[in-house]
Amino acid sequence: MSDQPVLITQISDLHIKANGRLSYKKVDTQTALLRAIDILNALRPQPDMVVITGDLVDFGTVEEFQTLRLALRRLQLPFRLMSGNRDDR
């Protein structure tokens, strides 16, 4: 067993919308996620894992999950998703 600590980072309540739509007609959640991903990728030391908790998308549509999937391709760290009440299970 290693004596090294495990570094886990969490981001939550992404509420991703599809097609550039704004949340509450104000917040570009997709751009905010991409900025967060850039910050996570640049962290030193690097986290061992990112836990992303729900609400992952806003209405649970296929298009929103596709938008989320495309954004997460940019994340260079291992991650796990946990759905929230807005995410269509």
PDB file of N, CA and C in Angstrom:
ATOM      1  N   MET A   1       0.846  -1.182   0.000  1.00  0.00           N
ATOM      2  CA  MET A   1       0.000   0.000   0.000  1.00  0.00           C
ATOM      3  C   MET A   1       0.886   1.239   0.000  1.00  0.00           C
ATOM      4  N   SER A   2       0.565   2.188  -0.817  1.00  0.00           N
ATOM      5  CA  SER A   2       1.349   3.410  -0.961  1.00  0.00           C
ATOM      6  C   SER A   2       1.024   4.399   0.146  1.00  0.00           C
ATOM      7  N   ASP A   3       2.043   5.162   0.531  1.00  0.00           N
ATOM      8  CA  ASP A   3       1.850   6.235   1.512  1.00  0.00           C
ATOM      9  C   ASP A   3       1.478   7.547   0.837  1.00  0.00           C
ATOM     10  N   GLN A   4       1.389   7.544  -0.484  1.00  0.00           N
ATOM     11  CA  GLN A   4       1.055   8.750  -1.220  1.00  0.00           C
ATOM     12  C   GLN A   4      -0.435   9.064  -1.072  1.00  0.00           C
ATOM     13  N   PRO A   5      -0.763  10.321  -0.822  1.00  0.00           N
ATOM     14  CA  PRO A   5      -2.188  10.674  -0.743  1.00  0.00           C
ATOM     15  C   PRO A   5      -2.841  10.592  -2.126  1.00  0.00           C
ATOM     16  N   VAL A   6      -4.124  10.346  -2.130  1.00  0.00           N
ATOM     17  CA  VAL A   6      -4.913  10.328  -3.356  1.00  0.00           C
ATOM     18  C   VAL A   6      -5.606  11.682  -3.457  1.00  0.00           C
ATOM     19  N   LEU A   7      -5.437  12.335  -4.586  1.00  0.00           N
ATOM     20  CA  LEU A   7      -6.023  13.652  -4.800  1.00  0.00           C
ATOM     21  C   LEU A   7      -7.222  13.518  -5.732  1.00  0.00           C
ATOM     22  N   ILE A   8      -8.403  13.794  -5.186  1.00  0.00           N
ATOM     23  CA  ILE A   8      -9.641  13.724  -5.955  1.00  0.00           C
ATOM     24  C   ILE A   8     -10.223  15.125  -6.034  1.00  0.00           C
ATOM     25  N   THR A   9     -10.602  15.527  -7.236  1.00  0.00           N
ATOM     26  CA  THR A   9     -11.222  16.822  -7.466  1.00  0.00           C
ATOM     27  C   THR A   9     -12.672  16.590  -7.867  1.00  0.00           C
ATOM     28  N   GLN A  10     -13.562  17.448  -7.398  1.00  0.00           N
ATOM     29  CA  GLN A  10     -14.968  17.332  -7.745  1.00  0.00           C
ATOM     30  C   GLN A  10     -15.460  18.613  -8.402  1.00  0.00           C
ATOM     31  N   ILE A  11     -16.246  18.437  -9.459  1.00  0.00           N
ATOM     32  CA  ILE A  11     -17.014  19.542 -10.015  1.00  0.00           C
ATOM     33  C   ILE A  11     -18.465  19.078 -10.044  1.00  0.00           C
ATOM     34  N   SER A  12     -19.388  20.010  -9.942  1.00  0.00           N
ATOM     35  CA  SER A  12     -20.771  19.612  -9.747  1.00  0.00           C
ATOM     36  C   SER A  12     -21.747  20.557 -10.449  1.00  0.00           C
ATOM     37  N   ASP A  13     -22.924  20.010 -10.712  1.00  0.00           N
ATOM     38  CA  ASP A  13     -24.060  20.775 -11.231  1.00  0.00           C
ATOM     39  C   ASP A  13     -23.702  21.561 -12.488  1.00  0.00           C
ATOM     40  N   LEU A  14     -23.275  20.846 -13.507  1.00  0.00           N
ATOM     41  CA  LEU A  14     -22.842  21.472 -14.757  1.00  0.00           C
ATOM     42  C   LEU A  14     -24.008  22.081 -15.529  1.00  0.00           C
ATOM     43  N   HIS A  15     -25.162  21.450 -15.489  1.00  0.00           N
ATOM     44  CA  HIS A  15     -26.362  21.913 -16.202  1.00  0.00           C
ATOM     45  C   HIS A  15     -26.068  22.270 -17.664  1.00  0.00           C
ATOM     46  N   ILE A  16     -25.361  21.364 -18.348  1.00  0.00           N
ATOM     47  CA  ILE A  16     -24.985  21.604 -19.744  1.00  0.00           C
ATOM     48  C   ILE A  16     -26.232  21.682 -20.619  1.00  0.00           C
ATOM     49  N   LYS A  17     -26.242  22.666 -21.493  1.00  0.00           N
ATOM     50  CA  LYS A  17     -27.298  22.826 -22.497  1.00  0.00           C
ATOM     51  C   LYS A  17     -26.685  22.589 -23.878  1.00  0.00           C
ATOM     52  N   ALA A  18     -27.516  22.247 -24.826  1.00  0.00           N
ATOM     53  CA  ALA A  18     -27.051  21.968 -26.187  1.00  0.00           C
ATOM     54  C   ALA A  18     -27.149  23.205 -27.061  1.00  0.00           C
ATOM     55  N   ASN A  19     -26.384  23.194 -28.128  1.00  0.00           N
ATOM     56  CA  ASN A  19     -26.465  24.200 -29.191  1.00  0.00           C
ATOM     57  C   ASN A  19     -26.241  25.626 -28.701  1.00  0.00           C
ATOM     58  N   GLY A  20     -25.349  25.808 -27.739  1.00  0.00           N
ATOM     59  CA  GLY A  20     -24.998  27.147 -27.286  1.00  0.00           C
ATOM     60  C   GLY A  20     -26.076  27.852 -26.482  1.00  0.00           C
ATOM     61  N   ARG A  21     -27.097  27.132 -26.066  1.00  0.00           N
ATOM     62  CA  ARG A  21     -28.161  27.764 -25.270  1.00  0.00           C
ATOM     63  C   ARG A  21     -27.618  28.177 -23.908  1.00  0.00           C
ATOM     64  N   LEU A  22     -28.160  29.249 -23.379  1.00  0.00           N
ATOM     65  CA  LEU A  22     -27.739  29.768 -22.082  1.00  0.00           C
ATOM     66  C   LEU A  22     -28.674  29.277 -20.987  1.00  0.00           C
ATOM     67  N   SER A  23     -28.109  28.973 -19.850  1.00  0.00           N
ATOM     68  CA  SER A  23     -28.910  28.614 -18.693  1.00  0.00           C
ATOM     69  C   SER A  23     -29.444  29.893 -18.062  1.00  0.00           C
ATOM     70  N   TYR A  24     -30.731  29.913 -17.802  1.00  0.00           N
ATOM     71  CA  TYR A  24     -31.395  31.109 -17.247  1.00  0.00           C
ATOM     72  C   TYR A  24     -31.171  32.338 -18.129  1.00  0.00           C
ATOM     73  N   LYS A  25     -30.964  32.090 -19.433  1.00  0.00           N
ATOM     74  CA  LYS A  25     -30.742  33.142 -20.430  1.00  0.00           C
ATOM     75  C   LYS A  25     -29.532  34.016 -20.105  1.00  0.00           C
ATOM     76  N   LYS A  26     -28.609  33.494 -19.265  1.00  0.00           N
ATOM     77  CA  LYS A  26     -27.445  34.273 -18.845  1.00  0.00           C
ATOM     78  C   LYS A  26     -26.141  33.490 -18.839  1.00  0.00           C
ATOM     79  N   VAL A  27     -26.200  32.223 -18.464  1.00  0.00           N
ATOM     80  CA  VAL A  27     -24.983  31.472 -18.163  1.00  0.00           C
ATOM     81  C   VAL A  27     -24.663  30.487 -19.280  1.00  0.00           C
ATOM     82  N   ASP A  28     -23.471  30.616 -19.848  1.00  0.00           N
ATOM     83  CA  ASP A  28     -22.988  29.692 -20.870  1.00  0.00           C
ATOM     84  C   ASP A  28     -22.285  28.541 -20.151  1.00  0.00           C
ATOM     85  N   THR A  29     -23.061  27.516 -19.805  1.00  0.00           N
ATOM     86  CA  THR A  29     -22.517  26.422 -18.995  1.00  0.00           C
ATOM     87  C   THR A  29     -21.473  25.600 -19.747  1.00  0.00           C
ATOM     88  N   GLN A  30     -21.614  25.504 -21.056  1.00  0.00           N
ATOM     89  CA  GLN A  30     -20.621  24.751 -21.832  1.00  0.00           C
ATOM     90  C   GLN A  30     -19.262  25.456 -21.793  1.00  0.00           C
ATOM     91  N   THR A  31     -19.243  26.749 -22.001  1.00  0.00           N
ATOM     92  CA  THR A  31     -17.980  27.491 -21.932  1.00  0.00           C
ATOM     93  C   THR A  31     -17.392  27.438 -20.529  1.00  0.00           C
ATOM     94  N   ALA A  32     -18.245  27.525 -19.516  1.00  0.00           N
ATOM     95  CA  ALA A  32     -17.762  27.436 -18.131  1.00  0.00           C
ATOM     96  C   ALA A  32     -17.109  26.081 -17.880  1.00  0.00           C
ATOM     97  N   LEU A  33     -17.715  25.002 -18.394  1.00  0.00           N
ATOM     98  CA  LEU A  33     -17.114  23.678 -18.237  1.00  0.00           C
ATOM     99  C   LEU A  33     -15.781  23.591 -18.958  1.00  0.00           C
ATOM    100  N   LEU A  34     -15.703  24.107 -20.162  1.00  0.00           N
ATOM    101  CA  LEU A  34     -14.437  24.052 -20.903  1.00  0.00           C
ATOM    102  C   LEU A  34     -13.333  24.815 -20.174  1.00  0.00           C
ATOM    103  N   ARG A  35     -13.679  25.945 -19.569  1.00  0.00           N
ATOM    104  CA  ARG A  35     -12.685  26.682 -18.766  1.00  0.00           C
ATOM    105  C   ARG A  35     -12.249  25.868 -17.555  1.00  0.00           C
ATOM    106  N   ALA A  36     -13.211  25.228 -16.890  1.00  0.00           N
ATOM    107  CA  ALA A  36     -12.884  24.392 -15.734  1.00  0.00           C
ATOM    108  C   ALA A  36     -11.975  23.235 -16.140  1.00  0.00           C
ATOM    109  N   ILE A  37     -12.254  22.633 -17.294  1.00  0.00           N
ATOM    110  CA  ILE A  37     -11.425  21.533 -17.783  1.00  0.00           C
ATOM    111  C   ILE A  37     -10.004  22.014 -18.045  1.00  0.00           C
ATOM    112  N   ASP A  38      -9.854  23.173 -18.647  1.00  0.00           N
ATOM    113  CA  ASP A  38      -8.508  23.723 -18.886  1.00  0.00           C
ATOM    114  C   ASP A  38      -7.762  23.924 -17.572  1.00  0.00           C
ATOM    115  N   ILE A  39      -8.463  24.406 -16.556  1.00  0.00           N
ATOM    116  CA  ILE A  39      -7.840  24.603 -15.237  1.00  0.00           C
ATOM    117  C   ILE A  39      -7.452  23.260 -14.627  1.00  0.00           C
ATOM    118  N   LEU A  40      -8.353  22.282 -14.699  1.00  0.00           N
ATOM    119  CA  LEU A  40      -8.054  20.954 -14.158  1.00  0.00           C
ATOM    120  C   LEU A  40      -6.849  20.336 -14.857  1.00  0.00           C
ATOM    121  N   ASN A  41      -6.790  20.449 -16.178  1.00  0.00           N
ATOM    122  CA  ASN A  41      -5.670  19.886 -16.937  1.00  0.00           C
ATOM    123  C   ASN A  41      -4.340  20.531 -16.567  1.00  0.00           C
ATOM    124  N   ALA A  42      -4.375  21.788 -16.112  1.00  0.00           N
ATOM    125  CA  ALA A  42      -3.149  22.523 -15.792  1.00  0.00           C
ATOM    126  C   ALA A  42      -2.715  22.379 -14.338  1.00  0.00           C
ATOM    127  N   LEU A  43      -3.536  21.771 -13.504  1.00  0.00           N
ATOM    128  CA  LEU A  43      -3.190  21.672 -12.078  1.00  0.00           C
ATOM    129  C   LEU A  43      -1.906  20.881 -11.865  1.00  0.00           C
ATOM    130  N   ARG A  44      -1.107  21.363 -10.944  1.00  0.00           N
ATOM    131  CA  ARG A  44       0.105  20.660 -10.507  1.00  0.00           C
ATOM    132  C   ARG A  44       0.147  20.696  -8.999  1.00  0.00           C
ATOM    133  N   PRO A  45       0.151  19.587  -8.336  1.00  0.00           N
ATOM    134  CA  PRO A  45       0.127  18.238  -8.901  1.00  0.00           C
ATOM    135  C   PRO A  45      -1.224  17.927  -9.539  1.00  0.00           C
ATOM    136  N   GLN A  46      -1.199  16.987 -10.452  1.00  0.00           N
ATOM    137  CA  GLN A  46      -2.417  16.560 -11.130  1.00  0.00           C
ATOM    138  C   GLN A  46      -3.285  15.733 -10.184  1.00  0.00           C
ATOM    139  N   PRO A  47      -4.589  15.974 -10.180  1.00  0.00           N
ATOM    140  CA  PRO A  47      -5.475  15.095  -9.413  1.00  0.00           C
ATOM    141  C   PRO A  47      -5.410  13.672  -9.969  1.00  0.00           C
ATOM    142  N   ASP A  48      -5.654  12.702  -9.104  1.00  0.00           N
ATOM    143  CA  ASP A  48      -5.712  11.305  -9.540  1.00  0.00           C
ATOM    144  C   ASP A  48      -7.015  11.018 -10.272  1.00  0.00           C
ATOM    145  N   MET A  49      -8.055  11.794  -9.949  1.00  0.00           N
ATOM    146  CA  MET A  49      -9.356  11.573 -10.556  1.00  0.00           C
ATOM    147  C   MET A  49     -10.220  12.813 -10.368  1.00  0.00           C
ATOM    148  N   VAL A  50     -11.132  13.007 -11.309  1.00  0.00           N
ATOM    149  CA  VAL A  50     -12.149  14.052 -11.199  1.00  0.00           C
ATOM    150  C   VAL A  50     -13.499  13.352 -11.058  1.00  0.00           C
ATOM    151  N   VAL A  51     -14.243  13.721 -10.040  1.00  0.00           N
ATOM    152  CA  VAL A  51     -15.600  13.216  -9.858  1.00  0.00           C
ATOM    153  C   VAL A  51     -16.539  14.340 -10.294  1.00  0.00           C
ATOM    154  N   ILE A  52     -17.403  14.034 -11.242  1.00  0.00           N
ATOM    155  CA  ILE A  52     -18.326  15.025 -11.793  1.00  0.00           C
ATOM    156  C   ILE A  52     -19.734  14.601 -11.393  1.00  0.00           C
ATOM    157  N   THR A  53     -20.348  15.397 -10.523  1.00  0.00           N
ATOM    158  CA  THR A  53     -21.640  15.021  -9.972  1.00  0.00           C
ATOM    159  C   THR A  53     -22.754  15.862 -10.588  1.00  0.00           C
ATOM    160  N   GLY A  54     -23.967  15.300 -10.579  1.00  0.00           N
ATOM    161  CA  GLY A  54     -25.126  15.923 -11.229  1.00  0.00           C
ATOM    162  C   GLY A  54     -25.630  17.130 -10.499  1.00  0.00           C
ATOM    163  N   ASP A  55     -26.324  17.895 -11.223  1.00  0.00           N
ATOM    164  CA  ASP A  55     -26.949  17.676 -12.511  1.00  0.00           C
ATOM    165  C   ASP A  55     -25.935  17.894 -13.636  1.00  0.00           C
ATOM    166  N   LEU A  56     -25.708  16.858 -14.416  1.00  0.00           N
ATOM    167  CA  LEU A  56     -24.724  16.933 -15.487  1.00  0.00           C
ATOM    168  C   LEU A  56     -25.239  17.781 -16.641  1.00  0.00           C
ATOM    169  N   VAL A  57     -26.498  17.570 -17.002  1.00  0.00           N
ATOM    170  CA  VAL A  57     -27.142  18.331 -18.076  1.00  0.00           C
ATOM    171  C   VAL A  57     -28.411  18.972 -17.522  1.00  0.00           C
ATOM    172  N   ASP A  58     -29.029  19.836 -18.300  1.00  0.00           N
ATOM    173  CA  ASP A  58     -30.155  20.601 -17.772  1.00  0.00           C
ATOM    174  C   ASP A  58     -31.492  19.866 -17.883  1.00  0.00           C
ATOM    175  N   PHE A  59     -31.766  19.254 -19.039  1.00  0.00           N
ATOM    176  CA  PHE A  59     -33.066  18.617 -19.237  1.00  0.00           C
ATOM    177  C   PHE A  59     -32.980  17.126 -19.562  1.00  0.00           C
ATOM    178  N   GLY A  60     -31.774  16.573 -19.602  1.00  0.00           N
ATOM    179  CA  GLY A  60     -31.625  15.143 -19.855  1.00  0.00           C
ATOM    180  C   GLY A  60     -31.808  14.729 -21.296  1.00  0.00           C
ATOM    181  N   THR A  61     -31.653  15.665 -22.225  1.00  0.00           N
ATOM    182  CA  THR A  61     -31.845  15.325 -23.642  1.00  0.00           C
ATOM    183  C   THR A  61     -30.589  14.686 -24.225  1.00  0.00           C
ATOM    184  N   VAL A  62     -30.787  13.959 -25.294  1.00  0.00           N
ATOM    185  CA  VAL A  62     -29.667  13.329 -25.995  1.00  0.00           C
ATOM    186  C   VAL A  62     -28.670  14.389 -26.443  1.00  0.00           C
ATOM    187  N   GLU A  63     -29.160  15.504 -26.967  1.00  0.00           N
ATOM    188  CA  GLU A  63     -28.280  16.569 -27.455  1.00  0.00           C
ATOM    189  C   GLU A  63     -27.423  17.151 -26.331  1.00  0.00           C
ATOM    190  N   GLU A  64     -28.017  17.295 -25.149  1.00  0.00           N
ATOM    191  CA  GLU A  64     -27.235  17.815 -24.022  1.00  0.00           C
ATOM    192  C   GLU A  64     -26.144  16.834 -23.614  1.00  0.00           C
ATOM    193  N   PHE A  65     -26.472  15.539 -23.574  1.00  0.00           N
ATOM    194  CA  PHE A  65     -25.452  14.551 -23.224  1.00  0.00           C
ATOM    195  C   PHE A  65     -24.368  14.472 -24.296  1.00  0.00           C
ATOM    196  N   GLN A  66     -24.727  14.649 -25.555  1.00  0.00           N
ATOM    197  CA  GLN A  66     -23.714  14.676 -26.621  1.00  0.00           C
ATOM    198  C   GLN A  66     -22.792  15.881 -26.450  1.00  0.00           C
ATOM    199  N   THR A  67     -23.352  17.021 -26.076  1.00  0.00           N
ATOM    200  CA  THR A  67     -22.551  18.219 -25.826  1.00  0.00           C
ATOM    201  C   THR A  67     -21.601  17.980 -24.663  1.00  0.00           C
ATOM    202  N   LEU A  68     -22.106  17.357 -23.605  1.00  0.00           N
ATOM    203  CA  LEU A  68     -21.262  17.027 -22.452  1.00  0.00           C
ATOM    204  C   LEU A  68     -20.139  16.075 -22.855  1.00  0.00           C
ATOM    205  N   ARG A  69     -20.469  15.040 -23.611  1.00  0.00           N
ATOM    206  CA  ARG A  69     -19.454  14.066 -24.032  1.00  0.00           C
ATOM    207  C   ARG A  69     -18.336  14.733 -24.840  1.00  0.00           C
ATOM    208  N   LEU A  70     -18.714  15.615 -25.757  1.00  0.00           N
ATOM    209  CA  LEU A  70     -17.701  16.316 -26.552  1.00  0.00           C
ATOM    210  C   LEU A  70     -16.793  17.168 -25.671  1.00  0.00           C
ATOM    211  N   ALA A  71     -17.371  17.858 -24.710  1.00  0.00           N
ATOM    212  CA  ALA A  71     -16.565  18.694 -23.813  1.00  0.00           C
ATOM    213  C   ALA A  71     -15.618  17.841 -22.980  1.00  0.00           C
ATOM    214  N   LEU A  72     -16.092  16.696 -22.489  1.00  0.00           N
ATOM    215  CA  LEU A  72     -15.264  15.859 -21.616  1.00  0.00           C
ATOM    216  C   LEU A  72     -14.118  15.187 -22.348  1.00  0.00           C
ATOM    217  N   ARG A  73     -14.175  15.128 -23.669  1.00  0.00           N
ATOM    218  CA  ARG A  73     -13.030  14.592 -24.434  1.00  0.00           C
ATOM    219  C   ARG A  73     -11.773  15.429 -24.195  1.00  0.00           C
ATOM    220  N   ARG A  74     -11.974  16.679 -23.838  1.00  0.00           N
ATOM    221  CA  ARG A  74     -10.862  17.602 -23.599  1.00  0.00           C
ATOM    222  C   ARG A  74     -10.167  17.339 -22.255  1.00  0.00           C
ATOM    223  N   LEU A  75     -10.876  16.678 -21.323  1.00  0.00           N
ATOM    224  CA  LEU A  75     -10.333  16.421 -19.989  1.00  0.00           C
ATOM    225  C   LEU A  75      -9.276  15.334 -20.062  1.00  0.00           C
ATOM    226  N   GLN A  76      -8.069  15.647 -19.616  1.00  0.00           N
ATOM    227  CA  GLN A  76      -6.934  14.733 -19.725  1.00  0.00           C
ATOM    228  C   GLN A  76      -6.736  13.886 -18.472  1.00  0.00           C
ATOM    229  N   LEU A  77      -7.699  13.910 -17.568  1.00  0.00           N
ATOM    230  CA  LEU A  77      -7.615  13.170 -16.309  1.00  0.00           C
ATOM    231  C   LEU A  77      -8.691  12.092 -16.271  1.00  0.00           C
ATOM    232  N   PRO A  78      -8.444  11.021 -15.513  1.00  0.00           N
ATOM    233  CA  PRO A  78      -9.524  10.045 -15.328  1.00  0.00           C
ATOM    234  C   PRO A  78     -10.705  10.717 -14.631  1.00  0.00           C
ATOM    235  N   PHE A  79     -11.915  10.325 -14.998  1.00  0.00           N
ATOM    236  CA  PHE A  79     -13.079  10.917 -14.347  1.00  0.00           C
ATOM    237  C   PHE A  79     -14.201   9.896 -14.223  1.00  0.00           C
ATOM    238  N   ARG A  80     -15.095  10.163 -13.296  1.00  0.00           N
ATOM    239  CA  ARG A  80     -16.306   9.380 -13.099  1.00  0.00           C
ATOM    240  C   ARG A  80     -17.476  10.341 -13.010  1.00  0.00           C
ATOM    241  N   LEU A  81     -18.598   9.934 -13.575  1.00  0.00           N
ATOM    242  CA  LEU A  81     -19.811  10.751 -13.576  1.00  0.00           C
ATOM    243  C   LEU A  81     -20.826  10.173 -12.598  1.00  0.00           C
ATOM    244  N   MET A  82     -21.534  11.060 -11.916  1.00  0.00           N
ATOM    245  CA  MET A  82     -22.643  10.650 -11.047  1.00  0.00           C
ATOM    246  C   MET A  82     -23.840  11.507 -11.423  1.00  0.00           C
ATOM    247  N   SER A  83     -24.894  10.885 -11.891  1.00  0.00           N
ATOM    248  CA  SER A  83     -26.049  11.635 -12.381  1.00  0.00           C
ATOM    249  C   SER A  83     -26.811  12.302 -11.235  1.00  0.00           C
ATOM    250  N   GLY A  84     -27.544  13.340 -11.609  1.00  0.00           N
ATOM    251  CA  GLY A  84     -28.372  14.064 -10.659  1.00  0.00           C
ATOM    252  C   GLY A  84     -29.838  13.932 -11.030  1.00  0.00           C
ATOM    253  N   ASN A  85     -30.683  14.630 -10.315  1.00  0.00           N
ATOM    254  CA  ASN A  85     -32.116  14.478 -10.529  1.00  0.00           C
ATOM    255  C   ASN A  85     -32.581  15.006 -11.884  1.00  0.00           C
ATOM    256  N   ARG A  86     -31.830  15.866 -12.539  1.00  0.00           N
ATOM    257  CA  ARG A  86     -32.217  16.367 -13.868  1.00  0.00           C
ATOM    258  C   ARG A  86     -31.743  15.464 -15.000  1.00  0.00           C
ATOM    259  N   ASP A  87     -30.855  14.554 -14.696  1.00  0.00           N
ATOM    260  CA  ASP A  87     -30.283  13.683 -15.710  1.00  0.00           C
ATOM    261  C   ASP A  87     -31.212  12.488 -15.935  1.00  0.00           C
ATOM    262  N   ASP A  88     -31.617  12.276 -17.194  1.00  0.00           N
ATOM    263  CA  ASP A  88     -32.508  11.178 -17.539  1.00  0.00           C
ATOM    264  C   ASP A  88     -31.745   9.872 -17.405  1.00  0.00           C
ATOM    265  N   ARG A  89     -32.111   9.094 -16.450  1.00  0.00           N
ATOM    266  CA  ARG A  89     -31.396   7.841 -16.199  1.00  0.00           C
ATOM    267  C   ARG A  89     -31.738   6.799 -17.243  1.00  0.00           C
TER     268      ARG A  89
END
